[in-house]
Amino acid sequence: MQNIIAISAAAQQGILAVQATSDEMLLESVADGNKSAMHILYARHRVRVYRFILRMVRDATTAEDLVSQVFLDVWRTAGQFEGR
């Protein structure tokens, strides 16, 4: 039982740490090749990006493809981010 409580507490701290991490910090980590940071950034913004694109293209399949392209571009160009 103590192990479950300890794991739960560690998971909660991890969740809080992720929530406290800014997008700028995540992008710096992505630029360094950190896949976990990219996963967090994707999870944080994918729905919003999808809805934005869907409003423009009005096709779910195309919107999904474009979301993938957007985040692939983020992965490739994270080092060029200027913080504006």
N, C-alpha and C. Protein backbone atom coordinates (compact mmCIF):
# COMPACT_ATOMS: atom_id res chain seq x y z
N MET A 1 0.81 -1.19 0.00
CA MET A 1 0.00 0.00 0.00
C MET A 1 0.86 1.26 0.00
N GLN A 2 1.98 1.23 0.72
CA GLN A 2 2.85 2.40 0.75
C GLN A 2 3.43 2.68 -0.64
N ASN A 3 3.72 1.61 -1.38
CA ASN A 3 4.25 1.80 -2.73
C ASN A 3 3.24 2.53 -3.62
N ILE A 4 1.98 2.16 -3.51
CA ILE A 4 0.94 2.79 -4.32
C ILE A 4 0.83 4.27 -3.96
N ILE A 5 0.88 4.58 -2.68
CA ILE A 5 0.81 5.97 -2.23
C ILE A 5 2.02 6.75 -2.73
N ALA A 6 3.19 6.14 -2.65
CA ALA A 6 4.42 6.81 -3.10
C ALA A 6 4.37 7.05 -4.61
N ILE A 7 3.90 6.07 -5.37
CA ILE A 7 3.79 6.22 -6.83
C ILE A 7 2.78 7.31 -7.17
N SER A 8 1.66 7.31 -6.46
CA SER A 8 0.64 8.33 -6.68
C SER A 8 1.18 9.73 -6.39
N ALA A 9 1.91 9.88 -5.32
CA ALA A 9 2.49 11.18 -4.96
C ALA A 9 3.51 11.61 -6.01
N ALA A 10 4.33 10.69 -6.47
CA ALA A 10 5.32 11.01 -7.51
C ALA A 10 4.64 11.41 -8.81
N ALA A 11 3.59 10.70 -9.15
CA ALA A 11 2.84 11.04 -10.37
C ALA A 11 2.23 12.42 -10.25
N GLN A 12 1.68 12.74 -9.08
CA GLN A 12 1.08 14.06 -8.86
C GLN A 12 2.14 15.15 -8.99
N GLN A 13 3.31 14.93 -8.46
CA GLN A 13 4.39 15.91 -8.57
C GLN A 13 4.81 16.07 -10.02
N GLY A 14 4.84 14.96 -10.75
CA GLY A 14 5.17 15.01 -12.18
C GLY A 14 4.15 15.82 -12.96
N ILE A 15 2.89 15.63 -12.64
CA ILE A 15 1.82 16.38 -13.30
C ILE A 15 1.95 17.86 -13.00
N LEU A 16 2.22 18.18 -11.74
CA LEU A 16 2.38 19.59 -11.36
C LEU A 16 3.60 20.19 -12.06
N ALA A 17 4.67 19.42 -12.18
CA ALA A 17 5.87 19.91 -12.85
C ALA A 17 5.59 20.18 -14.32
N VAL A 18 4.84 19.31 -14.96
CA VAL A 18 4.49 19.50 -16.36
C VAL A 18 3.63 20.75 -16.52
N GLN A 19 2.67 20.93 -15.63
CA GLN A 19 1.79 22.10 -15.72
C GLN A 19 2.56 23.39 -15.50
N ALA A 20 3.60 23.34 -14.69
CA ALA A 20 4.37 24.54 -14.37
C ALA A 20 5.40 24.87 -15.44
N THR A 21 5.63 23.96 -16.37
CA THR A 21 6.62 24.16 -17.42
C THR A 21 6.02 25.03 -18.52
N SER A 22 6.67 26.12 -18.83
CA SER A 22 6.16 27.02 -19.86
C SER A 22 6.41 26.44 -21.25
N ASP A 23 5.66 26.93 -22.21
CA ASP A 23 5.87 26.50 -23.59
C ASP A 23 7.25 26.87 -24.09
N GLU A 24 7.76 28.01 -23.64
CA GLU A 24 9.10 28.42 -24.05
C GLU A 24 10.15 27.43 -23.55
N MET A 25 9.99 26.99 -22.31
CA MET A 25 10.92 26.01 -21.75
C MET A 25 10.82 24.69 -22.51
N LEU A 26 9.60 24.31 -22.85
CA LEU A 26 9.40 23.08 -23.61
C LEU A 26 10.06 23.18 -24.98
N LEU A 27 9.91 24.33 -25.63
CA LEU A 27 10.52 24.50 -26.95
C LEU A 27 12.04 24.44 -26.88
N GLU A 28 12.61 24.97 -25.83
CA GLU A 28 14.06 24.86 -25.65
C GLU A 28 14.47 23.39 -25.54
N SER A 29 13.68 22.62 -24.80
CA SER A 29 13.97 21.20 -24.66
C SER A 29 13.76 20.46 -25.98
N VAL A 30 12.72 20.84 -26.71
CA VAL A 30 12.47 20.23 -28.01
C VAL A 30 13.65 20.51 -28.94
N ALA A 31 14.15 21.74 -28.91
CA ALA A 31 15.30 22.10 -29.74
C ALA A 31 16.52 21.25 -29.41
N ASP A 32 16.61 20.80 -28.16
CA ASP A 32 17.71 19.93 -27.74
C ASP A 32 17.43 18.46 -28.05
N GLY A 33 16.27 18.19 -28.67
CA GLY A 33 15.94 16.82 -29.06
C GLY A 33 15.16 16.04 -28.02
N ASN A 34 14.59 16.71 -27.04
CA ASN A 34 13.84 16.04 -25.97
C ASN A 34 12.45 15.65 -26.47
N LYS A 35 12.25 14.36 -26.68
CA LYS A 35 10.97 13.85 -27.19
C LYS A 35 9.85 14.00 -26.17
N SER A 36 10.15 13.87 -24.90
CA SER A 36 9.13 14.03 -23.87
C SER A 36 8.56 15.44 -23.87
N ALA A 37 9.42 16.42 -24.06
CA ALA A 37 8.95 17.81 -24.13
C ALA A 37 8.03 18.00 -25.33
N MET A 38 8.36 17.34 -26.43
CA MET A 38 7.51 17.44 -27.63
C MET A 38 6.15 16.80 -27.38
N HIS A 39 6.14 15.68 -26.68
CA HIS A 39 4.88 15.02 -26.33
C HIS A 39 4.01 15.93 -25.46
N ILE A 40 4.63 16.59 -24.51
CA ILE A 40 3.88 17.49 -23.62
C ILE A 40 3.32 18.67 -24.42
N LEU A 41 4.16 19.25 -25.27
CA LEU A 41 3.71 20.38 -26.09
C LEU A 41 2.56 19.96 -27.01
N TYR A 42 2.69 18.79 -27.60
CA TYR A 42 1.64 18.27 -28.48
C TYR A 42 0.34 18.05 -27.70
N ALA A 43 0.43 17.41 -26.56
CA ALA A 43 -0.76 17.13 -25.75
C ALA A 43 -1.42 18.43 -25.29
N ARG A 44 -0.62 19.42 -25.02
CA ARG A 44 -1.13 20.70 -24.53
C ARG A 44 -1.88 21.50 -25.60
N HIS A 45 -1.46 21.36 -26.86
CA HIS A 45 -1.98 22.26 -27.89
C HIS A 45 -2.68 21.60 -29.07
N ARG A 46 -2.67 20.29 -29.16
CA ARG A 46 -3.18 19.63 -30.36
C ARG A 46 -4.66 19.90 -30.62
N VAL A 47 -5.48 19.91 -29.59
CA VAL A 47 -6.91 20.12 -29.79
C VAL A 47 -7.18 21.53 -30.29
N ARG A 48 -6.53 22.50 -29.68
CA ARG A 48 -6.72 23.89 -30.08
C ARG A 48 -6.25 24.12 -31.53
N VAL A 49 -5.11 23.55 -31.89
CA VAL A 49 -4.59 23.68 -33.25
C VAL A 49 -5.53 22.99 -34.23
N TYR A 50 -5.99 21.79 -33.86
CA TYR A 50 -6.92 21.05 -34.72
C TYR A 50 -8.19 21.86 -34.97
N ARG A 51 -8.78 22.40 -33.94
CA ARG A 51 -10.03 23.18 -34.11
C ARG A 51 -9.81 24.42 -34.96
N PHE A 52 -8.68 25.07 -34.77
CA PHE A 52 -8.35 26.25 -35.56
C PHE A 52 -8.25 25.89 -37.04
N ILE A 53 -7.52 24.83 -37.33
CA ILE A 53 -7.34 24.40 -38.72
C ILE A 53 -8.66 23.90 -39.30
N LEU A 54 -9.42 23.17 -38.53
CA LEU A 54 -10.70 22.64 -39.00
C LEU A 54 -11.65 23.77 -39.42
N ARG A 55 -11.63 24.87 -38.69
CA ARG A 55 -12.48 26.01 -39.08
C ARG A 55 -12.09 26.55 -40.45
N MET A 56 -10.81 26.45 -40.79
CA MET A 56 -10.36 26.97 -42.08
C MET A 56 -10.61 26.00 -43.23
N VAL A 57 -10.30 24.72 -43.01
CA VAL A 57 -10.36 23.76 -44.12
C VAL A 57 -11.69 23.01 -44.20
N ARG A 58 -12.42 22.95 -43.10
CA ARG A 58 -13.74 22.30 -43.02
C ARG A 58 -13.73 20.85 -43.50
N ASP A 59 -12.61 20.17 -43.22
CA ASP A 59 -12.49 18.75 -43.53
C ASP A 59 -11.63 18.10 -42.45
N ALA A 60 -12.21 17.13 -41.73
CA ALA A 60 -11.53 16.54 -40.58
C ALA A 60 -10.22 15.84 -40.96
N THR A 61 -10.23 15.11 -42.06
CA THR A 61 -9.03 14.38 -42.47
C THR A 61 -7.90 15.34 -42.83
N THR A 62 -8.24 16.37 -43.58
CA THR A 62 -7.23 17.37 -43.95
C THR A 62 -6.72 18.09 -42.71
N ALA A 63 -7.62 18.41 -41.79
CA ALA A 63 -7.21 19.08 -40.55
C ALA A 63 -6.25 18.21 -39.75
N GLU A 64 -6.54 16.92 -39.64
CA GLU A 64 -5.64 16.01 -38.92
C GLU A 64 -4.27 15.96 -39.58
N ASP A 65 -4.25 15.90 -40.90
CA ASP A 65 -2.96 15.88 -41.61
C ASP A 65 -2.18 17.16 -41.37
N LEU A 66 -2.88 18.28 -41.39
CA LEU A 66 -2.21 19.56 -41.18
C LEU A 66 -1.71 19.72 -39.76
N VAL A 67 -2.45 19.21 -38.79
CA VAL A 67 -1.98 19.24 -37.40
C VAL A 67 -0.67 18.46 -37.28
N SER A 68 -0.63 17.31 -37.90
CA SER A 68 0.61 16.52 -37.89
C SER A 68 1.75 17.31 -38.51
N GLN A 69 1.47 17.99 -39.61
CA GLN A 69 2.49 18.79 -40.28
C GLN A 69 2.96 19.95 -39.41
N VAL A 70 2.03 20.59 -38.73
CA VAL A 70 2.37 21.71 -37.85
C VAL A 70 3.33 21.26 -36.76
N PHE A 71 3.00 20.15 -36.11
CA PHE A 71 3.86 19.71 -35.01
C PHE A 71 5.17 19.10 -35.50
N LEU A 72 5.18 18.56 -36.70
CA LEU A 72 6.44 18.11 -37.29
C LEU A 72 7.33 19.32 -37.56
N ASP A 73 6.73 20.40 -38.05
CA ASP A 73 7.49 21.63 -38.26
C ASP A 73 8.01 22.21 -36.95
N VAL A 74 7.21 22.12 -35.89
CA VAL A 74 7.67 22.57 -34.57
C VAL A 74 8.90 21.77 -34.16
N TRP A 75 8.85 20.46 -34.34
CA TRP A 75 9.98 19.59 -33.99
C TRP A 75 11.24 19.99 -34.76
N ARG A 76 11.06 20.23 -36.05
CA ARG A 76 12.20 20.54 -36.92
C ARG A 76 12.79 21.93 -36.67
N THR A 77 11.94 22.89 -36.31
CA THR A 77 12.40 24.29 -36.24
C THR A 77 12.39 24.87 -34.84
N ALA A 78 12.29 24.05 -33.82
CA ALA A 78 12.21 24.55 -32.44
C ALA A 78 13.43 25.42 -32.08
N GLY A 79 14.56 25.12 -32.65
CA GLY A 79 15.77 25.89 -32.36
C GLY A 79 15.74 27.31 -32.89
N GLN A 80 14.82 27.59 -33.80
CA GLN A 80 14.71 28.93 -34.40
C GLN A 80 13.71 29.82 -33.67
N PHE A 81 13.06 29.28 -32.66
CA PHE A 81 12.04 30.04 -31.93
C PHE A 81 12.67 31.24 -31.25
N GLU A 82 12.06 32.41 -31.41
CA GLU A 82 12.61 33.66 -30.88
C GLU A 82 11.87 34.18 -29.66
N GLY A 83 10.82 33.50 -29.23
CA GLY A 83 10.12 33.90 -28.03
C GLY A 83 9.15 35.06 -28.21
N ARG A 84 8.78 35.33 -29.43
CA ARG A 84 7.80 36.42 -29.67
C ARG A 84 6.41 35.88 -29.82
